[in-house]
């Protein structure tokens, strides 16, 4: 009985935590300049004035679905890279590749000439 009460208390805290995270995510997303531009400048061009609510809902849902797919792709790639870099061998490989890329950019920058103005 005591364990059930503690589980319910944990569930309440978890629910409040999720609500707080959802609120924070909404505020961050609402302040995102890309989203503001898409919803105020880009979408109205494709909204049918005779069925405004329906067409805006369809466009908004499509946008959110595509954003979800993009975020999922980023998460999968990040997870794979994290797994790769987690081992000392993978981390060493990552450091060597990224260091070589930086050295290459530095050499390229050193030997390129500025165009005459």
Protein backbone atom coordinates (compact mmCIF):
# COMPACT_ATOMS: atom_id res chain seq x y z
CA UNK A 1 0.00 0.00 0.00
CA UNK A 2 2.82 2.40 0.85
CA UNK A 3 4.59 1.61 -2.41
CA UNK A 4 1.42 2.39 -4.36
CA UNK A 5 1.14 5.79 -2.70
CA UNK A 6 4.78 6.54 -3.52
CA UNK A 7 4.21 5.47 -7.14
CA UNK A 8 1.22 7.81 -7.39
CA UNK A 9 3.28 10.63 -5.90
CA UNK A 10 6.02 9.98 -8.44
CA UNK A 11 3.43 9.90 -11.21
CA UNK A 12 2.15 13.30 -10.11
CA UNK A 13 5.66 14.76 -10.16
CA UNK A 14 6.34 13.19 -13.55
CA UNK A 15 3.11 14.64 -14.93
CA UNK A 16 3.98 18.08 -13.59
CA UNK A 17 7.47 17.77 -15.03
CA UNK A 18 6.05 16.90 -18.46
CA UNK A 19 3.64 19.83 -18.28
CA UNK A 20 6.48 22.17 -17.39
CA UNK A 21 8.60 20.82 -20.26
CA UNK A 22 5.69 21.13 -22.70
CA UNK A 23 5.09 24.72 -21.58
CA UNK A 24 8.77 25.54 -21.97
CA UNK A 25 8.87 23.93 -25.43
CA UNK A 26 5.79 25.88 -26.52
CA UNK A 27 7.32 29.17 -25.38
CA UNK A 28 10.60 28.43 -27.16
CA UNK A 29 8.80 27.36 -30.34
CA UNK A 30 6.45 30.35 -30.26
CA UNK A 31 9.43 32.68 -30.05
CA UNK A 32 11.26 30.95 -32.90
CA UNK A 33 11.75 33.46 -35.74
CA UNK A 34 11.53 30.70 -38.36
CA UNK A 35 8.14 29.58 -37.10
CA UNK A 36 6.90 33.16 -36.88
CA UNK A 37 7.96 33.84 -40.46
CA UNK A 38 6.45 30.61 -41.76
CA UNK A 39 3.12 31.11 -40.05
CA UNK A 40 2.78 34.84 -40.80
CA UNK A 41 4.44 35.29 -44.19
CA UNK A 42 4.53 31.95 -45.96
CA UNK A 43 1.34 30.16 -44.95
CA UNK A 44 -1.19 32.89 -45.79
CA UNK A 45 -0.26 32.57 -49.47
CA UNK A 46 -1.60 29.02 -49.48
CA UNK A 47 -4.65 29.46 -47.25
CA UNK A 48 -8.01 29.23 -48.97
CA UNK A 49 -10.11 32.18 -47.78
CA UNK A 50 -13.36 30.27 -48.14
CA UNK A 51 -12.14 27.50 -45.81
CA UNK A 52 -9.64 29.42 -43.71
CA UNK A 53 -9.70 27.32 -40.53
CA UNK A 54 -9.53 23.99 -42.32
CA UNK A 55 -6.74 24.94 -44.73
CA UNK A 56 -4.68 26.62 -42.01
CA UNK A 57 -5.11 23.52 -39.82
CA UNK A 58 -3.98 21.23 -42.65
CA UNK A 59 -0.96 23.41 -43.44
CA UNK A 60 -0.03 23.77 -39.78
CA UNK A 61 -0.35 20.04 -39.17
CA UNK A 62 1.79 19.30 -42.22
CA UNK A 63 4.43 21.76 -41.01
CA UNK A 64 4.44 20.20 -37.53
CA UNK A 65 4.69 16.69 -38.98
CA UNK A 66 7.67 17.68 -41.13
CA UNK A 67 9.31 19.34 -38.11
CA UNK A 68 8.77 16.15 -36.10
CA UNK A 69 10.42 14.09 -38.84
CA UNK A 70 13.38 16.49 -39.00
CA UNK A 71 13.81 16.43 -35.22
CA UNK A 72 13.61 12.62 -35.20
CA UNK A 73 16.31 12.44 -37.87
CA UNK A 74 18.53 14.78 -35.84
CA UNK A 75 17.92 12.65 -32.74
CA UNK A 76 18.82 9.40 -34.51
CA UNK A 77 21.98 10.89 -36.03
CA UNK A 78 22.97 12.38 -32.67
CA UNK A 79 22.36 9.08 -30.92
CA UNK A 80 24.48 7.19 -33.45
CA UNK A 81 27.29 9.74 -33.20
CA UNK A 82 27.07 9.60 -29.41
CA UNK A 83 27.36 5.82 -29.48
CA UNK A 84 30.28 6.06 -31.89
CA UNK A 85 32.08 8.66 -29.79
CA UNK A 86 31.30 6.88 -26.52
CA UNK A 87 34.09 4.35 -26.90
CA UNK A 88 37.65 5.56 -26.53
CA UNK A 89 38.48 4.31 -30.02
CA UNK A 90 35.51 6.12 -31.58
CA UNK A 91 36.24 9.29 -29.64
CA UNK A 92 39.87 9.21 -30.76
CA UNK A 93 38.74 8.73 -34.38
CA UNK A 94 36.29 11.64 -34.09
CA UNK A 95 39.00 13.90 -32.63
CA UNK A 96 41.45 13.01 -35.40
CA UNK A 97 38.94 13.64 -38.17
CA UNK A 98 37.64 16.92 -36.74
CA UNK A 99 41.20 18.08 -35.98
CA UNK A 100 42.29 17.26 -39.53
CA UNK A 101 39.34 19.19 -40.93
CA UNK A 102 40.25 22.22 -38.80
CA UNK A 103 43.90 22.04 -39.87
CA UNK A 104 42.77 21.77 -43.49
CA UNK A 105 40.58 24.86 -43.15
CA UNK A 106 43.46 26.71 -41.50
CA UNK A 107 45.85 25.82 -44.33
CA UNK A 108 43.26 26.75 -46.92
CA UNK A 109 42.73 30.08 -45.21
CA UNK A 110 46.49 30.69 -44.98
CA UNK A 111 47.16 30.08 -48.67
CA UNK A 112 44.12 31.69 -50.28
CA UNK A 113 44.57 35.23 -51.46
CA UNK A 114 42.01 37.94 -51.06
CA UNK A 115 40.52 39.25 -54.27
CA UNK A 116 41.71 42.71 -55.22
CA UNK A 117 39.24 45.43 -54.37
